[in-house]
Protein backbone atom coordinates (compact mmCIF):
# COMPACT_ATOMS: atom_id res chain seq x y z
CA MET A 1 0.00 0.00 0.00
CA ARG A 2 1.09 3.58 -0.57
CA ILE A 3 1.87 6.04 2.20
CA GLY A 4 -1.46 7.83 1.83
CA ASP A 5 -3.31 4.54 2.19
CA LEU A 6 -1.33 3.68 5.32
CA ALA A 7 -2.03 7.13 6.72
CA THR A 8 -5.75 6.67 6.12
CA ARG A 9 -5.89 3.17 7.60
CA THR A 10 -3.99 4.18 10.73
CA GLN A 11 -5.28 7.74 11.06
CA VAL A 12 -1.68 8.96 11.25
CA SER A 13 -0.39 11.80 9.12
CA VAL A 14 1.87 11.18 6.14
CA ARG A 15 4.39 13.46 7.82
CA ALA A 16 4.40 11.25 10.94
CA LEU A 17 4.90 8.13 8.82
CA ARG A 18 7.90 9.74 7.12
CA TYR A 19 9.26 10.65 10.55
CA TYR A 20 8.85 7.05 11.71
CA GLU A 21 10.94 5.96 8.74
CA GLU A 22 13.60 8.56 9.47
CA GLN A 23 13.81 7.23 13.02
CA GLY A 24 14.09 3.61 11.83
CA LEU A 25 10.72 2.64 13.30
CA LEU A 26 9.02 1.83 10.01
CA VAL A 27 10.38 0.37 6.79
CA SER A 28 9.11 0.78 3.26
CA THR A 29 10.20 -0.28 -0.17
CA ARG A 30 10.15 2.02 -3.17
CA SER A 31 8.26 1.62 -6.40
CA GLU A 32 9.99 2.25 -9.72
CA SER A 33 8.65 5.80 -9.57
CA GLY A 34 10.09 6.27 -6.07
CA GLN A 35 6.84 6.06 -4.10
CA ARG A 36 6.93 4.43 -0.69
CA LYS A 37 5.21 1.06 -0.50
CA TYR A 38 4.24 -0.74 2.71
CA GLY A 39 3.09 -4.25 3.45
CA ASP A 40 -0.11 -4.96 5.36
CA SER A 41 1.91 -5.53 8.54
CA ALA A 42 2.77 -1.82 8.55
CA VAL A 43 -0.71 -1.06 9.88
CA ASN A 44 -0.06 -2.99 13.09
CA ARG A 45 3.47 -1.56 13.32
CA VAL A 46 2.16 2.02 13.13
CA ARG A 47 -0.51 1.26 15.72
CA LEU A 48 2.14 -0.17 18.06
CA ILE A 49 4.36 2.88 17.53
CA GLN A 50 1.40 5.15 18.29
CA GLN A 51 0.62 3.24 21.49
CA LEU A 52 4.23 3.45 22.64
CA TYR A 53 4.41 7.18 21.85
CA GLY A 54 1.10 7.63 23.65
CA ALA A 55 2.60 5.92 26.68
CA GLY A 56 5.40 8.47 26.66
CA LEU A 57 8.24 6.44 25.17
CA SER A 58 10.74 8.34 23.06
CA SER A 59 11.49 7.43 19.45
CA LYS A 60 14.96 6.30 20.57
CA THR A 61 13.50 3.95 23.17
CA ILE A 62 10.96 2.62 20.68
CA ALA A 63 13.70 2.08 18.08
CA ASP A 64 15.77 0.19 20.64
CA LEU A 65 12.85 -2.06 21.60
CA LEU A 66 11.33 -2.85 18.20
CA PRO A 67 14.02 -5.37 17.19
CA CYS A 68 13.08 -7.40 20.27
CA VAL A 69 9.42 -7.16 19.31
CA ASP A 70 10.23 -8.27 15.76
CA ALA A 71 12.38 -11.18 16.92
CA GLY A 72 9.98 -12.21 19.66
CA VAL A 73 12.83 -12.36 22.15
CA SER A 74 14.43 -9.99 24.60
CA THR A 75 17.62 -9.47 26.48
CA PRO A 76 17.99 -8.78 30.19
CA GLU A 77 18.74 -5.18 29.25
CA SER A 78 15.63 -4.77 27.12
CA ARG A 79 13.45 -6.38 29.81
CA GLU A 80 14.91 -3.98 32.37
CA ARG A 81 14.22 -1.05 30.08
CA LEU A 82 10.65 -2.24 29.56
CA ALA A 83 10.21 -2.62 33.33
CA VAL A 84 11.46 0.94 33.86
CA GLU A 85 8.99 2.24 31.27
CA ARG A 86 6.18 0.18 32.80
CA ASP A 87 6.96 1.59 36.26
CA ARG A 88 7.02 5.13 34.85
CA ILE A 89 3.62 4.56 33.24
CA ASN A 90 2.22 3.11 36.48
CA THR A 91 3.42 6.18 38.36
CA ARG A 92 1.80 8.43 35.77
CA ILE A 93 -1.46 6.47 36.00
CA ALA A 94 -1.48 6.91 39.77
CA GLU A 95 -0.89 10.65 39.34
CA LEU A 96 -3.73 10.87 36.81
CA VAL A 97 -6.09 9.00 39.14
CA ILE A 98 -5.31 11.53 41.89
CA ALA A 99 -5.94 14.40 39.48
CA ARG A 100 -9.21 12.83 38.31
CA ASN A 101 -10.35 12.36 41.91
CA LYS A 102 -9.57 16.00 42.66
CA LEU A 103 -11.61 17.05 39.64
CA ASP A 104 -14.48 14.86 40.86
CA ASP A 105 -14.24 16.57 44.26
CA ILE A 106 -14.34 19.99 42.61
CA ILE A 107 -17.30 19.00 40.44
CA ASP A 108 -19.17 17.69 43.49
CA ALA A 109 -18.33 20.75 45.58
CA THR A 110 -19.36 23.17 42.88
CA SER A 111 -22.43 21.38 41.55
CA ARG A 112 -24.81 23.71 43.38
CA PRO A 113 -26.52 26.06 40.92
CA ASN A 114 -25.11 29.57 40.97
CA PRO A 115 -26.39 32.09 38.41
CA GLU A 116 -23.12 34.07 38.63
CA CYS A 117 -21.15 31.07 37.35
CA ASP A 118 -23.52 30.11 34.51
CA TYR A 119 -21.32 29.87 31.39
CA VAL A 120 -23.89 28.49 28.99
């Protein structure tokens, strides 16, 4: 599939896909006219990259981990790195839960009607 098709299927911009290639996260072949071509597996690869970015991993960390994903094996170093990232995510989740609970408290405390605070 062409880059535009991959962008549509993954809802990721063409620019982002080019960046993923520059960072070594995604691989394409070239047609005779020089257009990028991707296999069907690129859809799952892009979705994985998006999930890892969404979890806060850097492109360098993702690039270091993808060979282990591709090979289906890991090293003690890569497992340690994954554990560090998992712990960082767990800490962030706990922080977000606290923030959400505070917002709930504010919503509850301010749910009394007040004409001076009517924004709608």
